[in-house]
Amino acid sequence: MTISALEALERLQEGNRRFVSDSRDESSDSIHRRRSELATGQNPLAIILGCSDSRVPAEIIFDQGLGDLFVIRVAGNIVAASQVGSIEYAAERFGTRLVVVLGHSSCGAVSATIEELERPSESRSPNLRSIVDRIRPSVETLMEVESLKQSEELIRHAVRANIRSSANHLRNGSQVLEQLIQRGDLLVVGAEYSLETGIVEFFDGVPKSDGSSERPVRPE
């Protein structure tokens, strides 16, 4: 059964509240039973494009179980062709209506990008450099902002800029996803997980009561 994007978003928010308060849901069916049910198919409530960081496992921080989330993890939650294809597949094949780009505080990939822009290094492999190059556009302009010269503030804003960039890429860089969005069959939102508190804040593309979307303005 397909659920709406807003219902899926609410379930993720509720799950994260349980995770933060250490009151995780113990009422679900046993893993053995659930595994048997899923052997013939899946119906994930949300697609998560998250960072590979070991401290940010989507199923745990959203208190979800087997078959609940379709998760794609890559350093820096960047968007490349393979990630877009995976999201297209899940959205079309399973009818999943919510995509969450999930970044996190103190992201190492974002920090590495800032370091590369400040002190270019020839020692990075081409593969690592490809990740840095995808994050670079969303942080370059921030590095010119005088008020963000302190590294902690710069990284904090850069993390969110990178999340917004990935979310916008999904909204505007795939004909399949664009058509689903235009029909109202898909919602793409951006969120940040706090390593310190465990709280996930949904801050980009989240519909407000008047039907508009929450899209914070980049600091000047």
C-alpha atoms as a PDB file:
ATOM      1  CA  MET A   1       0.000   0.000   0.000  1.00  0.00           C
ATOM      2  CA  THR A   2       1.459   3.345  -1.098  1.00  0.00           C
ATOM      3  CA  ILE A   3       1.346   6.126   1.477  1.00  0.00           C
ATOM      4  CA  SER A   4       1.518   9.857   0.780  1.00  0.00           C
ATOM      5  CA  ALA A   5       4.737  11.823   1.033  1.00  0.00           C
ATOM      6  CA  LEU A   6       3.428  13.818   3.987  1.00  0.00           C
ATOM      7  CA  GLU A   7       2.389  10.681   5.867  1.00  0.00           C
ATOM      8  CA  ALA A   8       5.800   9.154   5.212  1.00  0.00           C
ATOM      9  CA  LEU A   9       7.472  12.334   6.427  1.00  0.00           C
ATOM     10  CA  GLU A  10       5.402  12.271   9.601  1.00  0.00           C
ATOM     11  CA  ARG A  11       6.369   8.654  10.249  1.00  0.00           C
ATOM     12  CA  LEU A  12      10.042   9.498   9.872  1.00  0.00           C
ATOM     13  CA  GLN A  13       9.692  12.439  12.242  1.00  0.00           C
ATOM     14  CA  GLU A  14       7.894  10.294  14.800  1.00  0.00           C
ATOM     15  CA  GLY A  15      10.547   7.595  14.466  1.00  0.00           C
ATOM     16  CA  ASN A  16      13.327  10.095  15.016  1.00  0.00           C
ATOM     17  CA  ARG A  17      11.584  11.400  18.132  1.00  0.00           C
ATOM     18  CA  ARG A  18      11.493   7.838  19.474  1.00  0.00           C
ATOM     19  CA  PHE A  19      15.189   7.420  18.679  1.00  0.00           C
ATOM     20  CA  VAL A  20      16.128  10.664  20.430  1.00  0.00           C
ATOM     21  CA  SER A  21      14.069   9.818  23.525  1.00  0.00           C
ATOM     22  CA  ASP A  22      15.363   6.226  23.571  1.00  0.00           C
ATOM     23  CA  SER A  23      11.830   4.843  23.331  1.00  0.00           C
ATOM     24  CA  ARG A  24      12.164   2.850  20.153  1.00  0.00           C
ATOM     25  CA  ASP A  25       9.197   0.864  18.859  1.00  0.00           C
ATOM     26  CA  GLU A  26       9.253  -2.709  20.161  1.00  0.00           C
ATOM     27  CA  SER A  27       5.723  -3.586  19.044  1.00  0.00           C
ATOM     28  CA  SER A  28       6.511  -4.571  15.458  1.00  0.00           C
ATOM     29  CA  ASP A  29       6.476  -8.152  14.209  1.00  0.00           C
ATOM     30  CA  SER A  30       9.507 -10.313  14.746  1.00  0.00           C
ATOM     31  CA  ILE A  31      12.350  -9.923  12.282  1.00  0.00           C
ATOM     32  CA  HIS A  32      11.857 -13.527  11.178  1.00  0.00           C
ATOM     33  CA  ARG A  33       8.215 -12.928  10.275  1.00  0.00           C
ATOM     34  CA  ARG A  34       8.980  -9.615   8.606  1.00  0.00           C
ATOM     35  CA  ARG A  35      11.784 -11.161   6.576  1.00  0.00           C
ATOM     36  CA  SER A  36       9.421 -13.835   5.318  1.00  0.00           C
ATOM     37  CA  GLU A  37       6.836 -11.243   4.311  1.00  0.00           C
ATOM     38  CA  LEU A  38       9.407  -9.234   2.371  1.00  0.00           C
ATOM     39  CA  ALA A  39      10.745 -12.193   0.429  1.00  0.00           C
ATOM     40  CA  THR A  40       8.114 -11.622  -2.254  1.00  0.00           C
ATOM     41  CA  GLY A  41       8.373  -7.826  -2.534  1.00  0.00           C
ATOM     42  CA  GLN A  42       8.877  -4.490  -0.847  1.00  0.00           C
ATOM     43  CA  ASN A  43       6.978  -1.252  -0.362  1.00  0.00           C
ATOM     44  CA  PRO A  44       9.356   1.267   1.268  1.00  0.00           C
ATOM     45  CA  LEU A  45       7.736   4.369   2.736  1.00  0.00           C
ATOM     46  CA  ALA A  46      10.679   6.641   1.866  1.00  0.00           C
ATOM     47  CA  ILE A  47      13.827   6.829  -0.233  1.00  0.00           C
ATOM     48  CA  ILE A  48      16.847   8.105   1.690  1.00  0.00           C
ATOM     49  CA  LEU A  49      19.941   9.507  -0.019  1.00  0.00           C
ATOM     50  CA  GLY A  50      22.325   9.703   2.909  1.00  0.00           C
ATOM     51  CA  CYS A  51      26.000   9.930   3.773  1.00  0.00           C
ATOM     52  CA  SER A  52      28.103   6.793   4.204  1.00  0.00           C
ATOM     53  CA  ASP A  53      29.206   7.944   7.666  1.00  0.00           C
ATOM     54  CA  SER A  54      28.919   4.999  10.063  1.00  0.00           C
ATOM     55  CA  ARG A  55      27.246   7.204  12.658  1.00  0.00           C
ATOM     56  CA  VAL A  56      24.215   7.958  10.478  1.00  0.00           C
ATOM     57  CA  PRO A  57      22.352   4.693   9.748  1.00  0.00           C
ATOM     58  CA  ALA A  58      18.949   5.803   8.440  1.00  0.00           C
ATOM     59  CA  GLU A  59      16.970   2.809   9.680  1.00  0.00           C
ATOM     60  CA  ILE A  60      18.172   3.375  13.241  1.00  0.00           C
ATOM     61  CA  ILE A  61      17.877   7.147  13.518  1.00  0.00           C
ATOM     62  CA  PHE A  62      14.349   6.994  12.053  1.00  0.00           C
ATOM     63  CA  ASP A  63      13.440   3.883  14.085  1.00  0.00           C
ATOM     64  CA  GLN A  64      12.344   1.906  11.042  1.00  0.00           C
ATOM     65  CA  GLY A  65      12.619  -1.776  10.266  1.00  0.00           C
ATOM     66  CA  LEU A  66      13.179  -4.224   7.442  1.00  0.00           C
ATOM     67  CA  GLY A  67      11.619  -3.056   4.188  1.00  0.00           C
ATOM     68  CA  ASP A  68      10.669   0.404   5.454  1.00  0.00           C
ATOM     69  CA  LEU A  69      13.383   2.491   3.804  1.00  0.00           C
ATOM     70  CA  PHE A  70      15.104   2.369   0.412  1.00  0.00           C
ATOM     71  CA  VAL A  71      18.549   3.677   1.362  1.00  0.00           C
ATOM     72  CA  ILE A  72      21.336   4.939  -0.888  1.00  0.00           C
ATOM     73  CA  ARG A  73      24.521   5.914   0.952  1.00  0.00           C
ATOM     74  CA  VAL A  74      27.495   7.757  -0.505  1.00  0.00           C
ATOM     75  CA  ALA A  75      30.126  10.005   1.070  1.00  0.00           C
ATOM     76  CA  GLY A  76      28.817  13.550   1.295  1.00  0.00           C
ATOM     77  CA  ASN A  77      25.297  12.514   0.172  1.00  0.00           C
ATOM     78  CA  ILE A  78      26.302  13.637  -3.322  1.00  0.00           C
ATOM     79  CA  VAL A  79      24.211  13.102  -6.439  1.00  0.00           C
ATOM     80  CA  ALA A  80      25.701  11.222  -9.381  1.00  0.00           C
ATOM     81  CA  ALA A  81      24.081   9.221 -12.170  1.00  0.00           C
ATOM     82  CA  SER A  82      23.989   5.977 -10.192  1.00  0.00           C
ATOM     83  CA  GLN A  83      22.243   7.634  -7.258  1.00  0.00           C
ATOM     84  CA  VAL A  84      19.693   9.301  -9.526  1.00  0.00           C
ATOM     85  CA  GLY A  85      19.029   5.995 -11.275  1.00  0.00           C
ATOM     86  CA  SER A  86      18.502   4.219  -7.967  1.00  0.00           C
ATOM     87  CA  ILE A  87      16.010   6.859  -6.846  1.00  0.00           C
ATOM     88  CA  GLU A  88      14.185   6.752 -10.183  1.00  0.00           C
ATOM     89  CA  TYR A  89      13.949   2.981  -9.867  1.00  0.00           C
ATOM     90  CA  ALA A  90      12.463   3.056  -6.372  1.00  0.00           C
ATOM     91  CA  ALA A  91      10.058   5.889  -7.134  1.00  0.00           C
ATOM     92  CA  GLU A  92       8.737   4.232 -10.282  1.00  0.00           C
ATOM     93  CA  ARG A  93       8.891   0.580  -9.262  1.00  0.00           C
ATOM     94  CA  PHE A  94       7.513   0.858  -5.731  1.00  0.00           C
ATOM     95  CA  GLY A  95       5.557   4.113  -5.942  1.00  0.00           C
ATOM     96  CA  THR A  96       7.504   5.570  -3.021  1.00  0.00           C
ATOM     97  CA  ARG A  97       6.545   9.234  -2.787  1.00  0.00           C
ATOM     98  CA  LEU A  98       9.116  10.733  -0.438  1.00  0.00           C
ATOM     99  CA  VAL A  99      12.821  11.296  -1.053  1.00  0.00           C
ATOM    100  CA  VAL A 100      14.978  12.585   1.796  1.00  0.00           C
ATOM    101  CA  VAL A 101      18.472  13.932   1.166  1.00  0.00           C
ATOM    102  CA  LEU A 102      20.024  13.298   4.573  1.00  0.00           C
ATOM    103  CA  GLY A 103      23.238  15.072   5.502  1.00  0.00           C
ATOM    104  CA  HIS A 104      24.755  15.408   8.947  1.00  0.00           C
ATOM    105  CA  SER A 105      26.735  17.789  11.125  1.00  0.00           C
ATOM    106  CA  SER A 106      30.526  17.783  10.872  1.00  0.00           C
ATOM    107  CA  CYS A 107      30.439  15.948   7.534  1.00  0.00           C
ATOM    108  CA  GLY A 108      33.936  14.751   6.657  1.00  0.00           C
ATOM    109  CA  ALA A 109      33.343  15.003   2.909  1.00  0.00           C
ATOM    110  CA  VAL A 110      32.320  18.645   3.261  1.00  0.00           C
ATOM    111  CA  SER A 111      35.320  19.367   5.486  1.00  0.00           C
ATOM    112  CA  ALA A 112      37.610  17.699   2.942  1.00  0.00           C
ATOM    113  CA  THR A 113      36.165  19.902   0.219  1.00  0.00           C
ATOM    114  CA  ILE A 114      36.833  23.053   2.230  1.00  0.00           C
ATOM    115  CA  GLU A 115      40.375  21.872   2.912  1.00  0.00           C
ATOM    116  CA  GLU A 116      40.893  21.189  -0.781  1.00  0.00           C
ATOM    117  CA  LEU A 117      39.699  24.674  -1.716  1.00  0.00           C
ATOM    118  CA  GLU A 118      41.952  26.263   0.908  1.00  0.00           C
ATOM    119  CA  ARG A 119      44.987  24.062   0.239  1.00  0.00           C
ATOM    120  CA  PRO A 120      44.775  22.130  -3.038  1.00  0.00           C
ATOM    121  CA  SER A 121      46.349  18.694  -2.757  1.00  0.00           C
ATOM    122  CA  GLU A 122      47.776  16.520  -5.500  1.00  0.00           C
ATOM    123  CA  SER A 123      47.739  13.453  -3.265  1.00  0.00           C
ATOM    124  CA  ARG A 124      44.000  12.756  -3.508  1.00  0.00           C
ATOM    125  CA  SER A 125      43.002   9.885  -5.743  1.00  0.00           C
ATOM    126  CA  PRO A 126      40.829  10.716  -8.782  1.00  0.00           C
ATOM    127  CA  ASN A 127      37.971   8.848  -7.100  1.00  0.00           C
ATOM    128  CA  LEU A 128      38.109  10.935  -3.925  1.00  0.00           C
ATOM    129  CA  ARG A 129      38.547  14.075  -5.985  1.00  0.00           C
ATOM    130  CA  SER A 130      35.324  13.282  -7.852  1.00  0.00           C
ATOM    131  CA  ILE A 131      33.415  13.483  -4.549  1.00  0.00           C
ATOM    132  CA  VAL A 132      35.101  16.761  -3.624  1.00  0.00           C
ATOM    133  CA  ASP A 133      34.349  18.201  -7.057  1.00  0.00           C
ATOM    134  CA  ARG A 134      30.630  17.497  -6.657  1.00  0.00           C
ATOM    135  CA  ILE A 135      30.503  19.253  -3.289  1.00  0.00           C
ATOM    136  CA  ARG A 136      32.729  22.154  -4.374  1.00  0.00           C
ATOM    137  CA  PRO A 137      30.071  24.353  -6.103  1.00  0.00           C
ATOM    138  CA  SER A 138      27.855  24.484  -3.025  1.00  0.00           C
ATOM    139  CA  VAL A 139      30.646  25.664  -0.709  1.00  0.00           C
ATOM    140  CA  GLU A 140      32.810  27.926  -2.900  1.00  0.00           C
ATOM    141  CA  THR A 141      30.594  30.987  -2.555  1.00  0.00           C
ATOM    142  CA  LEU A 142      30.279  30.447   1.198  1.00  0.00           C
ATOM    143  CA  MET A 143      34.035  30.659   1.565  1.00  0.00           C
ATOM    144  CA  GLU A 144      33.877  34.242   0.280  1.00  0.00           C
ATOM    145  CA  VAL A 145      31.482  35.324   3.050  1.00  0.00           C
ATOM    146  CA  GLU A 146      33.460  37.246   5.666  1.00  0.00           C
ATOM    147  CA  SER A 147      31.170  36.281   8.546  1.00  0.00           C
ATOM    148  CA  LEU A 148      31.800  32.587   7.856  1.00  0.00           C
ATOM    149  CA  LYS A 149      35.583  32.678   8.017  1.00  0.00           C
ATOM    150  CA  GLN A 150      35.587  30.709  11.267  1.00  0.00           C
ATOM    151  CA  SER A 151      35.796  27.054  10.269  1.00  0.00           C
ATOM    152  CA  GLU A 152      33.001  25.713  12.482  1.00  0.00           C
ATOM    153  CA  GLU A 153      30.472  28.220  11.126  1.00  0.00           C
ATOM    154  CA  LEU A 154      31.670  27.637   7.593  1.00  0.00           C
ATOM    155  CA  ILE A 155      31.285  23.853   7.871  1.00  0.00           C
ATOM    156  CA  ARG A 156      27.833  24.198   9.437  1.00  0.00           C
ATOM    157  CA  HIS A 157      26.558  26.362   6.571  1.00  0.00           C
ATOM    158  CA  ALA A 158      28.407  24.292   3.964  1.00  0.00           C
ATOM    159  CA  VAL A 159      26.742  21.086   5.160  1.00  0.00           C
ATOM    160  CA  ARG A 160      23.312  22.613   4.587  1.00  0.00           C
ATOM    161  CA  ALA A 161      24.316  24.162   1.283  1.00  0.00           C
ATOM    162  CA  ASN A 162      25.455  20.743   0.101  1.00  0.00           C
ATOM    163  CA  ILE A 163      22.176  19.133   1.185  1.00  0.00           C
ATOM    164  CA  ARG A 164      20.184  21.806  -0.650  1.00  0.00           C
ATOM    165  CA  SER A 165      22.348  21.348  -3.731  1.00  0.00           C
ATOM    166  CA  SER A 166      21.751  17.587  -3.827  1.00  0.00           C
ATOM    167  CA  ALA A 167      18.010  18.024  -3.274  1.00  0.00           C
ATOM    168  CA  ASN A 168      17.787  20.593  -6.061  1.00  0.00           C
ATOM    169  CA  HIS A 169      19.754  18.316  -8.367  1.00  0.00           C
ATOM    170  CA  LEU A 170      17.171  15.593  -7.837  1.00  0.00           C
ATOM    171  CA  ARG A 171      14.285  18.019  -8.365  1.00  0.00           C
ATOM    172  CA  ASN A 172      15.712  19.451 -11.571  1.00  0.00           C
ATOM    173  CA  GLY A 173      18.214  16.971 -12.981  1.00  0.00           C
ATOM    174  CA  SER A 174      16.041  13.992 -13.864  1.00  0.00           C
ATOM    175  CA  GLN A 175      13.159  13.955 -16.301  1.00  0.00           C
ATOM    176  CA  VAL A 176      11.627  10.971 -14.533  1.00  0.00           C
ATOM    177  CA  LEU A 177      11.712  12.637 -11.111  1.00  0.00           C
ATOM    178  CA  GLU A 178      10.613  16.012 -12.494  1.00  0.00           C
ATOM    179  CA  GLN A 179       7.498  14.445 -14.014  1.00  0.00           C
ATOM    180  CA  LEU A 180       6.648  12.664 -10.766  1.00  0.00           C
ATOM    181  CA  ILE A 181       7.072  15.924  -8.846  1.00  0.00           C
ATOM    182  CA  GLN A 182       4.915  17.870 -11.317  1.00  0.00           C
ATOM    183  CA  ARG A 183       2.147  15.277 -10.957  1.00  0.00           C
ATOM    184  CA  GLY A 184       2.313  15.533  -7.179  1.00  0.00           C
ATOM    185  CA  ASP A 185       3.547  11.944  -6.902  1.00  0.00           C
ATOM    186  CA  LEU A 186       6.939  12.746  -5.383  1.00  0.00           C
ATOM    187  CA  LEU A 187       8.327  15.107  -2.754  1.00  0.00           C
ATOM    188  CA  VAL A 188      12.055  15.751  -2.311  1.00  0.00           C
ATOM    189  CA  VAL A 189      13.162  17.247   0.999  1.00  0.00           C
ATOM    190  CA  GLY A 190      16.486  17.994   2.632  1.00  0.00           C
ATOM    191  CA  ALA A 191      17.349  17.165   6.236  1.00  0.00           C
ATOM    192  CA  GLU A 192      20.306  17.330   8.589  1.00  0.00           C
ATOM    193  CA  TYR A 193      21.114  14.846  11.340  1.00  0.00           C
ATOM    194  CA  SER A 194      22.898  16.180  14.409  1.00  0.00           C
ATOM    195  CA  LEU A 195      25.645  13.865  15.589  1.00  0.00           C
ATOM    196  CA  GLU A 196      25.482  15.582  18.971  1.00  0.00           C
ATOM    197  CA  THR A 197      21.744  15.357  19.711  1.00  0.00           C
ATOM    198  CA  GLY A 198      20.438  12.645  17.368  1.00  0.00           C
ATOM    199  CA  ILE A 199      17.782  15.046  16.056  1.00  0.00           C
ATOM    200  CA  VAL A 200      16.947  15.167  12.344  1.00  0.00           C
ATOM    201  CA  GLU A 201      15.846  18.609  11.180  1.00  0.00           C
ATOM    202  CA  PHE A 202      13.895  18.740   7.918  1.00  0.00           C
ATOM    203  CA  PHE A 203      14.659  22.186   6.531  1.00  0.00           C
ATOM    204  CA  ASP A 204      14.502  22.176   2.735  1.00  0.00           C
ATOM    205  CA  GLY A 205      11.465  21.614   0.533  1.00  0.00           C
ATOM    206  CA  VAL A 206       9.131  20.755   3.411  1.00  0.00           C
ATOM    207  CA  PRO A 207       5.557  21.891   2.613  1.00  0.00           C
ATOM    208  CA  LYS A 208       4.102  24.477   4.974  1.00  0.00           C
ATOM    209  CA  SER A 209       0.463  24.856   5.883  1.00  0.00           C
ATOM    210  CA  ASP A 210      -0.085  27.389   3.084  1.00  0.00           C
ATOM    211  CA  GLY A 211       1.184  24.924   0.483  1.00  0.00           C
ATOM    212  CA  SER A 212       4.560  26.590  -0.045  1.00  0.00           C
ATOM    213  CA  SER A 213       7.880  24.952   0.752  1.00  0.00           C
ATOM    214  CA  GLU A 214      10.400  25.696   3.461  1.00  0.00           C
ATOM    215  CA  ARG A 215      13.523  26.838   1.594  1.00  0.00           C
ATOM    216  CA  PRO A 216      15.910  28.819   3.838  1.00  0.00           C
ATOM    217  CA  VAL A 217      17.901  31.627   2.260  1.00  0.00           C
ATOM    218  CA  ARG A 218      21.663  31.197   2.147  1.00  0.00           C
ATOM    219  CA  PRO A 219      23.388  33.609   4.553  1.00  0.00           C
ATOM    220  CA  GLU A 220      24.976  36.743   3.093  1.00  0.00           C
END
